[in-house]
């Protein structure tokens, strides 16, 4: 799925839950989808305009004078179903942390341990945030037909955070007996010996 199609999916999906202003849409994508999806604000507004021109969303008078609320149309719901049915595009993994750890001998064991401890602390914070988010959304959206689906995405985030904590603990244990606190001065030995 192309980047533009995925932005359309996020915009139409958010509007399928309820009509909202462009600002509220931007906030919903950031706050509600933000634990697994991000969109730049520079992509949301042009996509919303294009979807309006295509008849997939309609503009209505907003709550304040001069403001507009956008609602998904029947053709927008059909487009959303079409987009959601497309194959998921594989994205190549990119992790600055893993890149640094892979070359950890050059970085030094002390710095690698610091990175792992930081990653573990970040995962613990994420886990606490997912728990808070699940409680908040369960209370706010009780009875909503969307709730089970929203909770599946939060559950995925929780599992990823738990896995990151377990991995960081294992990685720290692997580095526990590695000697030295400083990276080697001249890089790897020429003959491949350690």
C-alpha atoms as a PDB file:
ATOM      1  CA  UNK A   1       0.000   0.000   0.000  1.00  0.00           C
ATOM      2  CA  UNK A   2       1.481   3.322  -1.068  1.00  0.00           C
ATOM      3  CA  UNK A   3       2.115   6.036   1.517  1.00  0.00           C
ATOM      4  CA  UNK A   4      -0.725   8.197   0.162  1.00  0.00           C
ATOM      5  CA  UNK A   5      -3.152   5.266   0.397  1.00  0.00           C
ATOM      6  CA  UNK A   6      -2.162   4.683   3.992  1.00  0.00           C
ATOM      7  CA  UNK A   7      -2.793   8.342   4.819  1.00  0.00           C
ATOM      8  CA  UNK A   8      -6.215   8.025   3.174  1.00  0.00           C
ATOM      9  CA  UNK A   9      -6.856   4.939   5.300  1.00  0.00           C
ATOM     10  CA  UNK A  10      -5.981   6.793   8.517  1.00  0.00           C
ATOM     11  CA  UNK A  11      -8.134   9.818   7.605  1.00  0.00           C
ATOM     12  CA  UNK A  12     -11.145   7.827   6.410  1.00  0.00           C
ATOM     13  CA  UNK A  13     -10.821   5.393   9.313  1.00  0.00           C
ATOM     14  CA  UNK A  14     -10.808   8.189  11.885  1.00  0.00           C
ATOM     15  CA  UNK A  15     -13.825   9.827  10.231  1.00  0.00           C
ATOM     16  CA  UNK A  16     -15.650   6.472  10.146  1.00  0.00           C
ATOM     17  CA  UNK A  17     -15.760   6.608  13.945  1.00  0.00           C
ATOM     18  CA  UNK A  18     -17.480  10.014  13.947  1.00  0.00           C
ATOM     19  CA  UNK A  19     -17.447  13.361  12.075  1.00  0.00           C
ATOM     20  CA  UNK A  20     -14.877  15.894  13.238  1.00  0.00           C
ATOM     21  CA  UNK A  21     -13.133  19.121  12.357  1.00  0.00           C
ATOM     22  CA  UNK A  22      -9.797  18.996  10.545  1.00  0.00           C
ATOM     23  CA  UNK A  23      -8.061  19.989  13.775  1.00  0.00           C
ATOM     24  CA  UNK A  24      -9.857  17.257  15.749  1.00  0.00           C
ATOM     25  CA  UNK A  25      -8.970  14.780  12.992  1.00  0.00           C
ATOM     26  CA  UNK A  26      -5.311  15.730  13.269  1.00  0.00           C
ATOM     27  CA  UNK A  27      -5.476  15.346  17.059  1.00  0.00           C
ATOM     28  CA  UNK A  28      -7.317  12.001  16.820  1.00  0.00           C
ATOM     29  CA  UNK A  29      -4.703  10.561  14.485  1.00  0.00           C
ATOM     30  CA  UNK A  30      -1.952  11.744  16.826  1.00  0.00           C
ATOM     31  CA  UNK A  31      -3.610  10.802  20.116  1.00  0.00           C
ATOM     32  CA  UNK A  32      -5.730   7.768  19.282  1.00  0.00           C
ATOM     33  CA  UNK A  33      -3.710   6.105  16.537  1.00  0.00           C
ATOM     34  CA  UNK A  34      -0.398   7.449  17.785  1.00  0.00           C
ATOM     35  CA  UNK A  35       0.574   4.310  19.676  1.00  0.00           C
ATOM     36  CA  UNK A  36       0.979   2.454  16.379  1.00  0.00           C
ATOM     37  CA  UNK A  37       0.620   4.948  13.524  1.00  0.00           C
ATOM     38  CA  UNK A  38       1.830   8.442  12.734  1.00  0.00           C
ATOM     39  CA  UNK A  39       1.007  10.917  10.022  1.00  0.00           C
ATOM     40  CA  UNK A  40       2.591  14.264   9.418  1.00  0.00           C
ATOM     41  CA  UNK A  41       0.186  17.149   9.663  1.00  0.00           C
ATOM     42  CA  UNK A  42       1.385  18.200   6.209  1.00  0.00           C
ATOM     43  CA  UNK A  43      -0.094  14.988   4.770  1.00  0.00           C
ATOM     44  CA  UNK A  44      -3.420  15.014   6.611  1.00  0.00           C
ATOM     45  CA  UNK A  45      -4.797  18.313   5.275  1.00  0.00           C
ATOM     46  CA  UNK A  46      -4.077  17.737   1.568  1.00  0.00           C
ATOM     47  CA  UNK A  47      -5.441  14.186   1.853  1.00  0.00           C
ATOM     48  CA  UNK A  48      -8.604  15.495   3.507  1.00  0.00           C
ATOM     49  CA  UNK A  49      -9.007  18.021   0.667  1.00  0.00           C
ATOM     50  CA  UNK A  50      -8.488  15.359  -2.001  1.00  0.00           C
ATOM     51  CA  UNK A  51     -10.984  13.038  -0.311  1.00  0.00           C
ATOM     52  CA  UNK A  52     -13.515  15.881  -0.256  1.00  0.00           C
ATOM     53  CA  UNK A  53     -12.985  16.540  -3.979  1.00  0.00           C
ATOM     54  CA  UNK A  54     -13.477  12.828  -4.696  1.00  0.00           C
ATOM     55  CA  UNK A  55     -16.723  12.813  -2.711  1.00  0.00           C
ATOM     56  CA  UNK A  56     -15.402  10.454  -0.017  1.00  0.00           C
ATOM     57  CA  UNK A  57     -15.914  13.039   2.728  1.00  0.00           C
ATOM     58  CA  UNK A  58     -18.283  15.950   2.972  1.00  0.00           C
ATOM     59  CA  UNK A  59     -17.832  19.265   4.688  1.00  0.00           C
ATOM     60  CA  UNK A  60     -20.544  20.452   7.045  1.00  0.00           C
ATOM     61  CA  UNK A  61     -20.955  23.583   9.107  1.00  0.00           C
ATOM     62  CA  UNK A  62     -18.857  23.273  12.238  1.00  0.00           C
ATOM     63  CA  UNK A  63     -19.617  24.022  15.858  1.00  0.00           C
ATOM     64  CA  UNK A  64     -18.142  27.526  15.616  1.00  0.00           C
ATOM     65  CA  UNK A  65     -18.724  30.204  13.032  1.00  0.00           C
ATOM     66  CA  UNK A  66     -16.390  29.663  10.102  1.00  0.00           C
ATOM     67  CA  UNK A  67     -15.391  26.150  11.146  1.00  0.00           C
ATOM     68  CA  UNK A  68     -16.151  22.958   9.251  1.00  0.00           C
ATOM     69  CA  UNK A  69     -16.797  19.400  10.310  1.00  0.00           C
ATOM     70  CA  UNK A  70     -15.947  16.551   7.975  1.00  0.00           C
ATOM     71  CA  UNK A  71     -17.971  13.352   7.709  1.00  0.00           C
ATOM     72  CA  UNK A  72     -17.319  10.186   5.739  1.00  0.00           C
ATOM     73  CA  UNK A  73     -19.765   9.512   2.879  1.00  0.00           C
ATOM     74  CA  UNK A  74     -21.027   6.185   1.554  1.00  0.00           C
ATOM     75  CA  UNK A  75     -18.390   6.304  -1.193  1.00  0.00           C
ATOM     76  CA  UNK A  76     -15.794   7.098   1.511  1.00  0.00           C
ATOM     77  CA  UNK A  77     -16.853   4.016   3.466  1.00  0.00           C
ATOM     78  CA  UNK A  78     -16.546   1.943   0.279  1.00  0.00           C
ATOM     79  CA  UNK A  79     -13.078   3.447  -0.357  1.00  0.00           C
ATOM     80  CA  UNK A  80     -12.053   2.684   3.232  1.00  0.00           C
ATOM     81  CA  UNK A  81     -13.124  -0.957   2.816  1.00  0.00           C
ATOM     82  CA  UNK A  82     -11.140  -1.110  -0.431  1.00  0.00           C
ATOM     83  CA  UNK A  83      -8.033   0.338   1.227  1.00  0.00           C
ATOM     84  CA  UNK A  84      -8.309  -1.948   4.250  1.00  0.00           C
ATOM     85  CA  UNK A  85      -8.571  -4.960   1.933  1.00  0.00           C
ATOM     86  CA  UNK A  86      -5.295  -4.197   0.133  1.00  0.00           C
ATOM     87  CA  UNK A  87      -2.254  -6.271   1.070  1.00  0.00           C
ATOM     88  CA  UNK A  88      -0.153  -4.795   3.838  1.00  0.00           C
ATOM     89  CA  UNK A  89       3.092  -3.381   2.479  1.00  0.00           C
ATOM     90  CA  UNK A  90       6.137  -4.773   4.209  1.00  0.00           C
ATOM     91  CA  UNK A  91       8.353  -2.071   5.619  1.00  0.00           C
ATOM     92  CA  UNK A  92      12.014  -2.773   6.164  1.00  0.00           C
ATOM     93  CA  UNK A  93      12.968  -2.658   9.831  1.00  0.00           C
ATOM     94  CA  UNK A  94      15.098   0.251  11.001  1.00  0.00           C
ATOM     95  CA  UNK A  95      16.432   0.469  14.521  1.00  0.00           C
ATOM     96  CA  UNK A  96      19.097   2.919  15.525  1.00  0.00           C
ATOM     97  CA  UNK A  97      19.528   0.989  18.773  1.00  0.00           C
ATOM     98  CA  UNK A  98      20.174  -2.332  17.042  1.00  0.00           C
ATOM     99  CA  UNK A  99      22.506  -0.666  14.571  1.00  0.00           C
ATOM    100  CA  UNK A 100      24.608   0.660  17.475  1.00  0.00           C
ATOM    101  CA  UNK A 101      24.539  -2.653  19.346  1.00  0.00           C
ATOM    102  CA  UNK A 102      25.558  -4.599  16.238  1.00  0.00           C
ATOM    103  CA  UNK A 103      28.722  -2.502  16.124  1.00  0.00           C
ATOM    104  CA  UNK A 104      28.982  -2.516  19.917  1.00  0.00           C
ATOM    105  CA  UNK A 105      32.592  -3.619  20.020  1.00  0.00           C
ATOM    106  CA  UNK A 106      33.493  -0.287  18.450  1.00  0.00           C
ATOM    107  CA  UNK A 107      31.074   1.638  20.664  1.00  0.00           C
ATOM    108  CA  UNK A 108      32.197  -0.027  23.890  1.00  0.00           C
ATOM    109  CA  UNK A 109      30.456  -2.281  26.361  1.00  0.00           C
ATOM    110  CA  UNK A 110      29.699   0.480  28.881  1.00  0.00           C
ATOM    111  CA  UNK A 111      27.863   2.581  26.278  1.00  0.00           C
ATOM    112  CA  UNK A 112      26.011  -0.512  25.006  1.00  0.00           C
ATOM    113  CA  UNK A 113      24.821  -1.260  28.542  1.00  0.00           C
ATOM    114  CA  UNK A 114      23.656   2.353  28.898  1.00  0.00           C
ATOM    115  CA  UNK A 115      21.706   2.095  25.644  1.00  0.00           C
ATOM    116  CA  UNK A 116      20.069  -1.138  26.783  1.00  0.00           C
ATOM    117  CA  UNK A 117      19.131   0.313  30.168  1.00  0.00           C
ATOM    118  CA  UNK A 118      17.630   3.336  28.414  1.00  0.00           C
ATOM    119  CA  UNK A 119      15.695   1.080  26.012  1.00  0.00           C
ATOM    120  CA  UNK A 120      14.411  -0.967  28.956  1.00  0.00           C
ATOM    121  CA  UNK A 121      13.258   2.173  30.788  1.00  0.00           C
ATOM    122  CA  UNK A 122      11.521   3.423  27.616  1.00  0.00           C
ATOM    123  CA  UNK A 123       9.727   0.066  27.287  1.00  0.00           C
ATOM    124  CA  UNK A 124       8.607   0.227  30.921  1.00  0.00           C
ATOM    125  CA  UNK A 125       7.221   3.729  30.330  1.00  0.00           C
ATOM    126  CA  UNK A 126       5.453   2.513  27.187  1.00  0.00           C
ATOM    127  CA  UNK A 127       3.953  -0.432  29.050  1.00  0.00           C
ATOM    128  CA  UNK A 128       2.583   1.897  31.737  1.00  0.00           C
ATOM    129  CA  UNK A 129       1.194   4.212  29.024  1.00  0.00           C
ATOM    130  CA  UNK A 130      -0.527   1.302  27.233  1.00  0.00           C
ATOM    131  CA  UNK A 131      -2.113   0.227  30.516  1.00  0.00           C
ATOM    132  CA  UNK A 132      -3.316   3.789  31.156  1.00  0.00           C
ATOM    133  CA  UNK A 133      -4.596   4.090  27.588  1.00  0.00           C
ATOM    134  CA  UNK A 134      -6.501   0.791  27.830  1.00  0.00           C
ATOM    135  CA  UNK A 135      -8.195   1.896  31.060  1.00  0.00           C
ATOM    136  CA  UNK A 136      -9.068   5.343  29.674  1.00  0.00           C
ATOM    137  CA  UNK A 137     -10.432   4.099  26.348  1.00  0.00           C
ATOM    138  CA  UNK A 138     -12.350   1.252  27.999  1.00  0.00           C
ATOM    139  CA  UNK A 139     -14.071   3.778  30.257  1.00  0.00           C
ATOM    140  CA  UNK A 140     -14.680   6.417  27.565  1.00  0.00           C
ATOM    141  CA  UNK A 141     -15.774   4.018  24.829  1.00  0.00           C
ATOM    142  CA  UNK A 142     -17.694   1.473  26.929  1.00  0.00           C
ATOM    143  CA  UNK A 143     -20.339  -0.068  24.695  1.00  0.00           C
ATOM    144  CA  UNK A 144     -18.760   1.234  21.485  1.00  0.00           C
ATOM    145  CA  UNK A 145     -18.642  -1.333  18.685  1.00  0.00           C
ATOM    146  CA  UNK A 146     -15.109  -0.091  17.944  1.00  0.00           C
ATOM    147  CA  UNK A 147     -13.773  -0.853  21.444  1.00  0.00           C
ATOM    148  CA  UNK A 148     -12.652  -4.474  20.892  1.00  0.00           C
ATOM    149  CA  UNK A 149     -10.745  -3.451  17.772  1.00  0.00           C
ATOM    150  CA  UNK A 150      -9.073  -0.501  19.461  1.00  0.00           C
ATOM    151  CA  UNK A 151      -8.069  -2.696  22.394  1.00  0.00           C
ATOM    152  CA  UNK A 152      -6.394  -5.186  20.026  1.00  0.00           C
ATOM    153  CA  UNK A 153      -3.987  -2.463  18.917  1.00  0.00           C
ATOM    154  CA  UNK A 154      -3.242  -1.482  22.513  1.00  0.00           C
ATOM    155  CA  UNK A 155      -2.662  -5.138  23.360  1.00  0.00           C
ATOM    156  CA  UNK A 156      -0.120  -5.368  20.531  1.00  0.00           C
ATOM    157  CA  UNK A 157       1.712  -2.363  21.962  1.00  0.00           C
ATOM    158  CA  UNK A 158       1.702  -3.923  25.447  1.00  0.00           C
ATOM    159  CA  UNK A 159       3.138  -7.178  24.097  1.00  0.00           C
ATOM    160  CA  UNK A 160       5.839  -5.312  22.168  1.00  0.00           C
ATOM    161  CA  UNK A 161       6.799  -3.369  25.306  1.00  0.00           C
ATOM    162  CA  UNK A 162       6.894  -6.542  27.403  1.00  0.00           C
ATOM    163  CA  UNK A 163       9.041  -8.245  24.763  1.00  0.00           C
ATOM    164  CA  UNK A 164      11.411  -5.254  24.680  1.00  0.00           C
ATOM    165  CA  UNK A 165      11.864  -5.484  28.461  1.00  0.00           C
ATOM    166  CA  UNK A 166      12.599  -9.218  28.270  1.00  0.00           C
ATOM    167  CA  UNK A 167      15.002  -8.692  25.362  1.00  0.00           C
ATOM    168  CA  UNK A 168      16.844  -5.856  27.149  1.00  0.00           C
ATOM    169  CA  UNK A 169      17.285  -8.054  30.234  1.00  0.00           C
ATOM    170  CA  UNK A 170      18.681 -10.896  28.098  1.00  0.00           C
ATOM    171  CA  UNK A 171      20.982  -8.537  26.185  1.00  0.00           C
ATOM    172  CA  UNK A 172      22.288  -7.015  29.424  1.00  0.00           C
ATOM    173  CA  UNK A 173      23.007 -10.532  30.705  1.00  0.00           C
ATOM    174  CA  UNK A 174      24.933 -11.308  27.489  1.00  0.00           C
ATOM    175  CA  UNK A 175      27.115  -8.239  28.033  1.00  0.00           C
ATOM    176  CA  UNK A 176      27.645  -8.864  31.741  1.00  0.00           C
ATOM    177  CA  UNK A 177      30.888 -10.811  31.303  1.00  0.00           C
ATOM    178  CA  UNK A 178      32.251  -8.773  28.396  1.00  0.00           C
ATOM    179  CA  UNK A 179      35.503  -7.163  29.574  1.00  0.00           C
ATOM    180  CA  UNK A 180      36.461  -3.540  29.153  1.00  0.00           C
ATOM    181  CA  UNK A 181      34.689  -0.249  29.415  1.00  0.00           C
ATOM    182  CA  UNK A 182      36.151   1.481  26.387  1.00  0.00           C
ATOM    183  CA  UNK A 183      35.918   0.735  22.682  1.00  0.00           C
ATOM    184  CA  UNK A 184      39.080  -0.555  20.992  1.00  0.00           C
ATOM    185  CA  UNK A 185      41.339   2.234  19.743  1.00  0.00           C
ATOM    186  CA  UNK A 186      42.037   0.811  16.289  1.00  0.00           C
ATOM    187  CA  UNK A 187      38.869  -1.055  15.363  1.00  0.00           C
ATOM    188  CA  UNK A 188      38.707  -4.819  14.812  1.00  0.00           C
ATOM    189  CA  UNK A 189      41.918  -6.882  14.650  1.00  0.00           C
ATOM    190  CA  UNK A 190      43.161  -7.502  11.117  1.00  0.00           C
ATOM    191  CA  UNK A 191      43.246 -11.298  11.445  1.00  0.00           C
ATOM    192  CA  UNK A 192      39.717 -11.622  12.895  1.00  0.00           C
ATOM    193  CA  UNK A 193      40.911 -12.636  16.404  1.00  0.00           C
ATOM    194  CA  UNK A 194      39.367 -10.941  19.391  1.00  0.00           C
END
